[in-house]
């Protein structure tokens, strides 16, 4: 079991409140991602759940039992940090075994769990190597293996891929997602990268200045952002947000349209602009179009290779079924 419930959990450092009182339900077996810009409180919230920070007020329940005052070792949670924190003089086998050795687990059970974790993480052939003989991705898998053998109620990941290069990040993202499917254990994952959030999560928690802005599945947040902050944060590239006279035509303070929901024409369209930088990625072309609608260029997505050059005039027509409207407070208009 790995159900985690936060009831009016608050954290303050002196007079500075970094997490205002919040409620959150994480169900058993869910993969939940905390996402938001730097300083939004996502790592602090994870540390409160782990017991590495004391709550200022509120209750944290794990499987229905009050764990607010329990030390980290008593919470049945396993944390994987940004740094691998491996012992360089120990083999992979001994690094993975370390928490079991500290718990004085019988050797036969240790061997069984090490073999199972190594098989799940493709580390069987590396058990007798030391961390210095492994790649960054392999070292991160060892750190995850050390968490797996504890058989926790939930895994907590604090930006575990930040130290990896782009290619390794993609590979490890897939491996962690596969691991979740195999183990069916609750996982809470912190990242500032909304692409990681969209591709990995069952449920995303979007945070800003300690507040939960929205909770939902990746596609719920993509299709129905609650406010302009979520609209501008979820999606890659981000949603175009337009204010002024064009928004007023739609009885809104702000309108939003995603780059993939703008139709492109060289002859005519609803809006007109000049192409600035165009990013050709092979499968997609992203154009940054300057217009009178906004001080910021509009981002437009075309599939495949799109013949365009700097300074070209193009016409854009939004898919009106995909137009988002927000009021003066930035809240979604139904």
Foldseek 3Di string as FASTA:
>chain_A
DWKKWWAQWWDADVVRTQAGGDTDIFDWLFEEEEAEDPSLCPVVVLCQQQQVDQTPDTFMDTPRHTCRPPHNVPQLEAECEQDLPFDQVQFLLCRLLVVVVVVVHDPVLSVVLLVVLCVLLVCPVRRGPGPVVDDPLVSSSSSVSSRVSSVGQEYEYENNCPPDDPVSSVVVLVSVLVSSVVSSHHYYYYDNDLVSVLVRGQKYFYGGSNDGQDIHHLVCLCQPPFFVVSQQRHDVNGWDKFADPVLVVVVARIKTARQAQKDKDLPEEDFKFFWADWDAPQQKIWTFTDGPGDPGTHIHIDGGDDDDDGGRMMYIYGPVVRMWGAHPVRGTDD
